Amino acid sequence: MAKPLNNITVLEMGTFITGPAAGMLLADLGATVIKIEQPKVGDPFRAFRGALYSPHFQTYNRNKKSITLDTRLPEDLAVFDALLADADVFIQNFRPGVADKIGVSPSRLQTLNPRLIYASISGFGNEGPDRDRPAFDTVAQAVSGFLRLLVNPVHRRVVGPALADSLTGFYAAYGVLAALYERERTGKGRLVETSMFESMAHFNLDDFTHYFSDNQIMGPYSRPNVSQSYVFECADGAWIALHMSSPPKFWENLATAVGQPDMLSLPMFESREARIANYENVIGFLAPIFKTRDRQTWCNMLRELEVPHAPVNTSQEAIESEQAKALQLCVEDPNGPHGVFRTIRSPVTFDGERALEVTAPPVLGAHDEELVAPLRKTLERSD
């Protein structure tokens, strides 16, 4: 298993998703990630389904070690400082001002360790009128302009996973990797900062580019109309997705598949521009046809005709697919603290090596004896 970051040590004071996601991405690449948690309670995400080991916590905390420290206590801060001496990266996602209160401000830590890459993740950034506002996933999606692209204007509900949380973790890890590369030349650390607002605004780049270039305010159907993307219900109640894009052959082959060879001569189908302008009518024409056969039959026909499509899978269907099995997408730790731990491996391979080994998320304080106890003894002797 390739571990390009196997010489990197990360101290993570992350809670919920953004900080832990950044730490997990680095751990997946081989870094030693030591998660520093509050005694007794740990990362609040642990308690979302009791037993301090919720599925929410498990998602973002594999391949890590867990220790418990309260850095507001002098004796625990001393242990933290001893760990910091050999650390390469520190990650926190506190609200602005909290790091100073608990003794882990960037100025203090980088004075102790000038080579340290300090990653700070906030909701709205460290300046501006919204600096101190609480930010959660839906808040960040909404304020960045992204949420309106997901909400069905007829049935208005927040949908989908915690994109802003997890993507902000990705951007933080991206910044850390760049700073680590630079440190190889300069020998100096960096303060790497990002926020959920900034991350989601960047992720929503296409929306802003259309506004800047064409004064266009996009809506939830703008991209699907232009990309000619569709979902249809099949006879068995399962759903299938099509991404028809631009090449005429996709539509010619679809006309064959649905048994409508003259379909493209209809005004609504005659050109890409016509299909975009008549998007709802195209759906109205095709939807009844797709309900005449079960999904597998449609998949077989569309695959043979090379029409871009996919079943709208559940998570179970996705991991049980032959493609997922061929790519060894699902990995497990048979010795997890609560039995077998299963997850999706890192999608990145190095020279053909896949990350097939995984360590289950740790229980709270699982590595106190290994990492904290020896340092406490050493510090007591030095006193």
Protein backbone atom coordinates (compact mmCIF):
# COMPACT_ATOMS: atom_id res chain seq x y z
CA MET A 1 0.00 0.00 0.00
CA ALA A 2 1.53 3.31 -1.10
CA LYS A 3 1.89 5.84 1.72
CA PRO A 4 3.43 9.02 0.29
CA LEU A 5 2.89 10.90 3.58
CA ASN A 6 4.25 8.20 5.87
CA ASN A 7 6.84 10.57 7.37
CA ILE A 8 4.27 13.26 8.24
CA THR A 9 2.71 13.65 11.70
CA VAL A 10 -0.56 15.53 12.01
CA LEU A 11 -2.16 16.77 15.22
CA GLU A 12 -5.88 17.23 14.64
CA MET A 13 -8.19 19.14 16.96
CA GLY A 14 -11.09 18.66 14.60
CA THR A 15 -14.77 18.26 15.46
CA PHE A 16 -17.81 17.35 13.39
CA ILE A 17 -16.74 17.27 9.70
CA THR A 18 -14.45 19.95 8.25
CA GLY A 19 -11.37 19.40 10.42
CA PRO A 20 -11.79 15.62 10.67
CA ALA A 21 -12.30 15.35 6.89
CA ALA A 22 -9.01 17.18 6.28
CA GLY A 23 -7.25 14.91 8.76
CA MET A 24 -8.74 11.78 7.21
CA LEU A 25 -7.57 12.74 3.73
CA LEU A 26 -4.01 13.11 5.00
CA ALA A 27 -4.30 9.86 6.97
CA ASP A 28 -5.48 8.07 3.83
CA LEU A 29 -2.22 9.16 2.21
CA GLY A 30 -0.20 7.61 5.01
CA ALA A 31 0.22 10.46 7.51
CA THR A 32 0.16 9.63 11.22
CA VAL A 33 -2.89 11.57 12.39
CA ILE A 34 -3.32 11.99 16.12
CA LYS A 35 -6.81 13.19 16.94
CA ILE A 36 -6.81 15.23 20.16
CA GLU A 37 -10.20 15.08 21.87
CA GLN A 38 -11.83 16.37 25.00
CA PRO A 39 -11.73 13.84 27.87
CA LYS A 40 -14.93 11.84 28.44
CA VAL A 41 -16.94 13.38 25.57
CA GLY A 42 -14.53 13.62 22.63
CA ASP A 43 -15.55 14.92 19.23
CA PRO A 44 -19.27 15.85 19.55
CA PHE A 45 -19.97 13.84 16.39
CA ARG A 46 -19.24 10.69 18.39
CA ALA A 47 -22.47 11.01 20.35
CA PHE A 48 -24.85 11.42 17.42
CA ARG A 49 -26.03 7.84 17.90
CA GLY A 50 -24.84 6.94 21.38
CA ALA A 51 -21.85 4.89 22.55
CA LEU A 52 -19.46 7.63 21.33
CA TYR A 53 -19.03 5.80 17.99
CA SER A 54 -21.78 7.04 15.71
CA PRO A 55 -21.79 6.40 11.93
CA HIS A 56 -21.35 10.16 11.52
CA PHE A 57 -18.09 10.01 13.47
CA GLN A 58 -16.89 6.88 11.70
CA THR A 59 -17.24 8.51 8.29
CA TYR A 60 -14.43 11.03 8.78
CA ASN A 61 -12.10 9.45 11.34
CA ARG A 62 -10.60 6.26 9.93
CA ASN A 63 -6.84 5.68 9.96
CA LYS A 64 -6.36 7.91 13.01
CA LYS A 65 -5.21 7.65 16.61
CA SER A 66 -7.22 9.17 19.45
CA ILE A 67 -5.86 10.79 22.60
CA THR A 68 -7.61 12.90 25.23
CA LEU A 69 -6.27 16.22 26.42
CA ASP A 70 -7.78 19.41 27.80
CA THR A 71 -5.26 22.06 26.82
CA ARG A 72 -6.87 24.54 29.21
CA LEU A 73 -5.11 22.55 31.93
CA PRO A 74 -1.38 23.36 32.27
CA GLU A 75 -0.38 19.71 32.60
CA ASP A 76 -2.28 18.75 29.45
CA LEU A 77 -0.96 21.75 27.53
CA ALA A 78 2.56 20.60 28.43
CA VAL A 79 1.83 17.17 26.92
CA PHE A 80 0.41 18.84 23.83
CA ASP A 81 3.54 20.98 23.47
CA ALA A 82 5.72 17.88 23.71
CA LEU A 83 3.72 16.29 20.87
CA LEU A 84 3.90 19.49 18.88
CA ALA A 85 7.69 19.46 18.87
CA ASP A 86 7.72 16.60 16.36
CA ALA A 87 4.54 17.48 14.46
CA ASP A 88 4.39 18.62 10.85
CA VAL A 89 0.77 19.73 10.67
CA PHE A 90 -1.85 21.02 13.09
CA ILE A 91 -5.54 21.17 12.09
CA GLN A 92 -8.37 22.92 13.90
CA ASN A 93 -11.84 24.06 12.91
CA PHE A 94 -12.82 26.21 15.88
CA ARG A 95 -14.75 29.43 15.62
CA PRO A 96 -12.43 32.47 15.50
CA GLY A 97 -10.93 33.23 18.91
CA VAL A 98 -11.36 29.76 20.44
CA ALA A 99 -7.84 28.58 19.56
CA ASP A 100 -6.35 31.49 21.53
CA LYS A 101 -8.47 30.62 24.60
CA ILE A 102 -7.26 27.02 24.72
CA GLY A 103 -3.59 27.71 24.04
CA VAL A 104 -3.34 26.57 20.43
CA SER A 105 -3.18 29.83 18.49
CA PRO A 106 -1.08 29.87 15.31
CA SER A 107 1.36 32.44 16.70
CA ARG A 108 2.05 30.35 19.81
CA LEU A 109 2.38 27.01 18.02
CA GLN A 110 4.55 28.29 15.20
CA THR A 111 6.83 29.98 17.73
CA LEU A 112 7.29 26.59 19.37
CA ASN A 113 7.66 24.82 16.01
CA PRO A 114 8.58 27.13 13.09
CA ARG A 115 8.27 24.23 10.60
CA LEU A 116 4.63 23.65 11.54
CA ILE A 117 1.90 23.82 8.90
CA TYR A 118 -1.06 25.26 10.81
CA ALA A 119 -4.44 24.66 9.13
CA SER A 120 -7.29 26.82 10.41
CA ILE A 121 -10.83 26.20 9.17
CA SER A 122 -13.70 28.55 9.99
CA GLY A 123 -17.23 29.19 8.85
CA PHE A 124 -16.90 32.65 7.34
CA GLY A 125 -13.19 33.48 7.57
CA ASN A 126 -11.25 35.43 10.18
CA GLU A 127 -12.40 38.91 9.18
CA GLY A 128 -15.51 40.67 7.95
CA PRO A 129 -18.95 41.26 9.49
CA ASP A 130 -19.85 37.55 9.51
CA ARG A 131 -16.61 36.44 11.18
CA ASP A 132 -18.25 35.31 14.43
CA ARG A 133 -21.41 33.82 12.98
CA PRO A 134 -21.94 30.10 13.54
CA ALA A 135 -21.75 28.15 10.30
CA PHE A 136 -23.05 24.72 9.48
CA ASP A 137 -23.32 22.86 6.21
CA THR A 138 -26.69 24.23 5.07
CA VAL A 139 -25.72 27.77 6.10
CA ALA A 140 -22.55 27.62 3.99
CA GLN A 141 -24.36 26.10 1.01
CA ALA A 142 -27.01 28.80 1.18
CA VAL A 143 -24.78 31.86 1.66
CA SER A 144 -22.42 30.80 -1.16
CA GLY A 145 -25.26 30.61 -3.68
CA PHE A 146 -24.99 26.85 -4.06
CA LEU A 147 -28.09 25.68 -2.20
CA ARG A 148 -30.50 27.37 -4.61
CA LEU A 149 -29.06 25.17 -7.37
CA LEU A 150 -30.18 22.05 -5.49
CA VAL A 151 -33.60 23.01 -4.17
CA ASN A 152 -36.57 21.96 -6.29
CA PRO A 153 -38.59 25.18 -6.69
CA VAL A 154 -41.86 23.21 -6.57
CA HIS A 155 -41.03 21.02 -3.55
CA ARG A 156 -38.64 23.12 -1.51
CA ARG A 157 -36.56 20.94 0.77
CA VAL A 158 -32.89 20.84 1.69
CA VAL A 159 -31.50 17.75 -0.03
CA GLY A 160 -28.33 15.77 -0.30
CA PRO A 161 -25.27 15.15 1.86
CA ALA A 162 -23.11 17.62 3.82
CA LEU A 163 -21.27 18.95 0.78
CA ALA A 164 -20.00 22.19 2.30
CA ASP A 165 -18.57 20.41 5.33
CA SER A 166 -16.73 17.71 3.44
CA LEU A 167 -15.55 19.93 0.58
CA THR A 168 -14.09 22.44 3.02
CA GLY A 169 -12.08 19.57 4.49
CA PHE A 170 -10.83 18.75 0.99
CA TYR A 171 -9.75 22.34 0.38
CA ALA A 172 -7.95 22.48 3.74
CA ALA A 173 -6.03 19.28 2.94
CA TYR A 174 -5.22 20.69 -0.51
CA GLY A 175 -3.70 23.78 1.15
CA VAL A 176 -1.74 21.66 3.63
CA LEU A 177 -0.21 19.56 0.85
CA ALA A 178 0.92 22.69 -1.00
CA ALA A 179 2.46 24.10 2.20
CA LEU A 180 4.27 20.83 2.90
CA TYR A 181 5.73 20.88 -0.60
CA GLU A 182 6.89 24.48 -0.17
CA ARG A 183 8.46 23.64 3.20
CA GLU A 184 10.77 21.20 1.47
CA ARG A 185 12.42 24.23 -0.16
CA THR A 186 12.11 26.88 2.54
CA GLY A 187 12.17 24.89 5.78
CA LYS A 188 9.40 27.14 7.11
CA GLY A 189 5.82 26.41 8.04
CA ARG A 190 2.70 28.21 6.91
CA LEU A 191 -0.63 29.32 8.29
CA VAL A 192 -3.15 27.75 5.90
CA GLU A 193 -6.65 29.18 6.24
CA THR A 194 -9.94 28.43 4.56
CA SER A 195 -13.59 28.78 5.43
CA MET A 196 -16.80 27.05 4.51
CA PHE A 197 -18.02 30.19 2.76
CA GLU A 198 -14.88 30.54 0.63
CA SER A 199 -14.71 26.84 -0.14
CA MET A 200 -18.30 26.60 -1.31
CA ALA A 201 -18.00 29.80 -3.34
CA HIS A 202 -15.02 28.27 -5.16
CA PHE A 203 -16.81 24.94 -5.62
CA ASN A 204 -19.71 26.94 -7.09
CA LEU A 205 -17.35 28.50 -9.64
CA ASP A 206 -19.47 27.66 -12.70
CA ASP A 207 -22.39 29.63 -11.27
CA PHE A 208 -20.23 32.70 -10.68
CA THR A 209 -18.53 32.43 -14.06
CA HIS A 210 -21.88 32.52 -15.85
CA TYR A 211 -22.76 35.62 -13.84
CA PHE A 212 -19.42 37.34 -14.52
CA SER A 213 -19.33 36.42 -18.23
CA ASP A 214 -22.96 36.61 -19.25
CA ASN A 215 -24.82 38.28 -16.36
CA GLN A 216 -26.72 35.01 -16.01
CA ILE A 217 -28.14 33.92 -12.66
CA MET A 218 -28.30 30.15 -12.82
CA GLY A 219 -31.09 28.10 -11.29
CA PRO A 220 -31.55 24.45 -10.31
CA TYR A 221 -32.37 23.41 -13.88
CA SER A 222 -29.71 25.47 -15.68
CA ARG A 223 -27.00 22.83 -15.79
CA PRO A 224 -29.28 19.81 -16.41
CA ASN A 225 -30.93 21.67 -19.31
CA VAL A 226 -27.61 22.58 -20.95
CA SER A 227 -25.95 19.19 -20.30
CA GLN A 228 -29.20 17.45 -21.30
CA SER A 229 -29.28 15.29 -18.20
CA TYR A 230 -32.37 13.31 -17.25
CA VAL A 231 -33.71 10.80 -14.77
CA PHE A 232 -36.57 8.47 -15.60
CA GLU A 233 -38.59 5.96 -13.63
CA CYS A 234 -38.71 2.46 -15.09
CA ALA A 235 -41.44 -0.19 -15.01
CA ASP A 236 -40.07 -1.78 -11.84
CA GLY A 237 -40.04 1.53 -9.93
CA ALA A 238 -36.25 1.86 -10.21
CA TRP A 239 -34.67 4.97 -11.73
CA ILE A 240 -32.18 5.47 -14.54
CA ALA A 241 -30.07 8.54 -15.37
CA LEU A 242 -29.00 9.77 -18.83
CA HIS A 243 -26.39 12.40 -19.68
CA MET A 244 -26.91 13.12 -23.36
CA SER A 245 -24.52 16.08 -23.77
CA SER A 246 -23.80 17.25 -27.33
CA PRO A 247 -22.85 14.47 -29.79
CA PRO A 248 -25.81 13.75 -32.14
CA LYS A 249 -25.02 10.02 -32.06
CA PHE A 250 -26.21 9.82 -28.44
CA TRP A 251 -29.65 11.01 -29.47
CA GLU A 252 -29.71 8.93 -32.65
CA ASN A 253 -28.94 5.82 -30.62
CA LEU A 254 -31.46 6.76 -27.95
CA ALA A 255 -34.14 7.09 -30.64
CA THR A 256 -33.34 3.52 -31.68
CA ALA A 257 -33.43 2.28 -28.07
CA VAL A 258 -36.84 3.79 -27.32
CA GLY A 259 -38.29 2.56 -30.60
CA GLN A 260 -38.90 6.06 -31.99
CA PRO A 261 -36.71 6.24 -35.13
CA ASP A 262 -38.42 9.47 -36.30
CA MET A 263 -38.13 11.16 -32.91
CA LEU A 264 -35.38 13.55 -33.95
CA SER A 265 -37.53 15.02 -36.70
CA LEU A 266 -39.93 16.41 -34.08
CA PRO A 267 -39.40 20.15 -33.42
CA MET A 268 -38.51 19.60 -29.75
CA PHE A 269 -35.72 17.16 -30.70
CA GLU A 270 -34.34 18.60 -33.91
CA SER A 271 -31.30 20.33 -32.39
CA ARG A 272 -29.43 20.75 -29.15
CA GLU A 273 -30.85 24.25 -28.77
CA ALA A 274 -34.37 22.92 -29.35
CA ARG A 275 -33.95 20.21 -26.73
CA ILE A 276 -32.68 22.76 -24.22
CA ALA A 277 -35.59 25.12 -24.94
CA ASN A 278 -38.09 22.23 -24.71
CA TYR A 279 -36.52 20.37 -21.80
CA GLU A 280 -39.83 19.71 -20.02
CA ASN A 281 -41.47 18.54 -23.24
CA VAL A 282 -38.58 16.16 -23.91
CA ILE A 283 -39.11 14.69 -20.46
CA GLY A 284 -42.84 14.44 -21.10
CA PHE A 285 -42.19 12.52 -24.32
CA LEU A 286 -39.61 10.08 -22.94
CA ALA A 287 -40.91 9.46 -19.41
CA PRO A 288 -43.89 7.25 -20.43
CA ILE A 289 -41.64 5.21 -22.70
CA PHE A 290 -39.15 4.46 -19.94
CA LYS A 291 -41.99 3.22 -17.74
CA THR A 292 -42.68 0.41 -20.21
CA ARG A 293 -39.58 -1.66 -19.33
CA ASP A 294 -37.66 -2.51 -16.17
CA ARG A 295 -34.38 -0.76 -15.45
CA GLN A 296 -32.07 -3.66 -16.22
CA THR A 297 -33.62 -4.07 -19.65
CA TRP A 298 -33.06 -0.39 -20.36
CA CYS A 299 -29.47 -0.56 -19.07
CA ASN A 300 -28.71 -3.52 -21.33
CA MET A 301 -30.15 -1.78 -24.40
CA LEU A 302 -28.50 1.59 -23.72
CA ARG A 303 -25.15 -0.01 -23.00
CA GLU A 304 -25.21 -1.91 -26.27
CA LEU A 305 -26.03 1.31 -28.12
CA GLU A 306 -23.42 3.33 -26.19
CA VAL A 307 -25.91 5.82 -24.79
CA PRO A 308 -24.43 7.49 -21.64
CA HIS A 309 -26.51 6.22 -18.76
CA ALA A 310 -26.38 4.66 -15.31
CA PRO A 311 -28.80 3.17 -12.82
CA VAL A 312 -29.61 5.56 -9.99
CA ASN A 313 -28.10 3.27 -7.38
CA THR A 314 -28.54 3.02 -3.67
CA SER A 315 -25.33 2.73 -1.65
CA GLN A 316 -25.89 -1.04 -1.44
CA GLU A 317 -26.34 -1.35 -5.20
CA ALA A 318 -23.25 0.78 -5.86
CA ILE A 319 -20.86 -1.34 -3.77
CA GLU A 320 -22.36 -4.60 -5.02
CA SER A 321 -21.86 -3.65 -8.66
CA GLU A 322 -19.30 -5.57 -10.69
CA GLN A 323 -17.39 -2.36 -11.37
CA ALA A 324 -17.02 -1.60 -7.66
CA LYS A 325 -15.85 -5.15 -7.05
CA ALA A 326 -13.32 -4.96 -9.90
CA LEU A 327 -11.88 -1.76 -8.43
CA GLN A 328 -11.92 -3.17 -4.87
CA LEU A 329 -13.81 -0.05 -3.82
CA CYS A 330 -15.03 -1.43 -0.49
CA VAL A 331 -12.36 -2.14 2.13
CA GLU A 332 -12.58 -3.28 5.73
CA ASP A 333 -10.82 -3.61 9.04
CA PRO A 334 -11.89 -6.95 10.54
CA ASN A 335 -10.56 -5.90 13.95
CA GLY A 336 -12.54 -2.71 14.50
CA PRO A 337 -13.44 -1.87 18.11
CA HIS A 338 -17.09 -2.74 17.43
CA GLY A 339 -16.57 -5.54 14.94
CA VAL A 340 -15.84 -5.37 11.23
CA PHE A 341 -15.48 -1.80 9.97
CA ARG A 342 -16.30 -1.29 6.28
CA THR A 343 -15.67 1.84 4.25
CA ILE A 344 -14.86 3.13 0.78
CA ARG A 345 -11.15 3.25 0.03
CA SER A 346 -9.25 6.33 -1.09
CA PRO A 347 -9.90 6.86 -4.81
CA VAL A 348 -6.25 7.67 -5.53
CA THR A 349 -3.79 4.99 -6.67
CA PHE A 350 -0.01 5.30 -6.91
CA ASP A 351 1.79 3.21 -9.55
CA GLY A 352 -1.20 0.90 -9.59
CA GLU A 353 -1.25 0.45 -5.80
CA ARG A 354 -4.67 0.83 -4.24
CA ALA A 355 -5.21 1.77 -0.60
CA LEU A 356 -6.69 -1.57 0.45
CA GLU A 357 -5.65 -1.38 4.09
CA VAL A 358 -7.72 0.64 6.53
CA THR A 359 -7.81 1.09 10.29
CA ALA A 360 -11.18 1.56 11.94
CA PRO A 361 -11.87 4.88 13.65
CA PRO A 362 -10.51 4.79 17.20
CA VAL A 363 -12.57 4.72 20.36
CA LEU A 364 -12.11 7.77 22.54
CA GLY A 365 -8.63 7.87 24.08
CA ALA A 366 -7.60 4.58 22.50
CA HIS A 367 -3.97 5.73 22.27
CA ASP A 368 -3.61 7.54 25.60
CA GLU A 369 -1.42 4.78 27.00
CA GLU A 370 0.74 4.66 23.90
CA LEU A 371 1.21 8.38 23.33
CA VAL A 372 0.17 10.43 26.37
CA ALA A 373 1.28 8.34 29.35
CA PRO A 374 5.00 8.24 28.38
CA LEU A 375 5.06 11.99 27.88
CA ARG A 376 3.41 12.61 31.25
CA LYS A 377 6.09 10.49 32.93
CA THR A 378 8.88 12.29 31.13
CA LEU A 379 7.46 15.69 32.05
CA GLU A 380 7.02 14.64 35.69
CA ARG A 381 10.67 13.53 35.87
CA SER A 382 11.86 16.79 34.34
CA ASP A 383 9.98 18.73 37.05
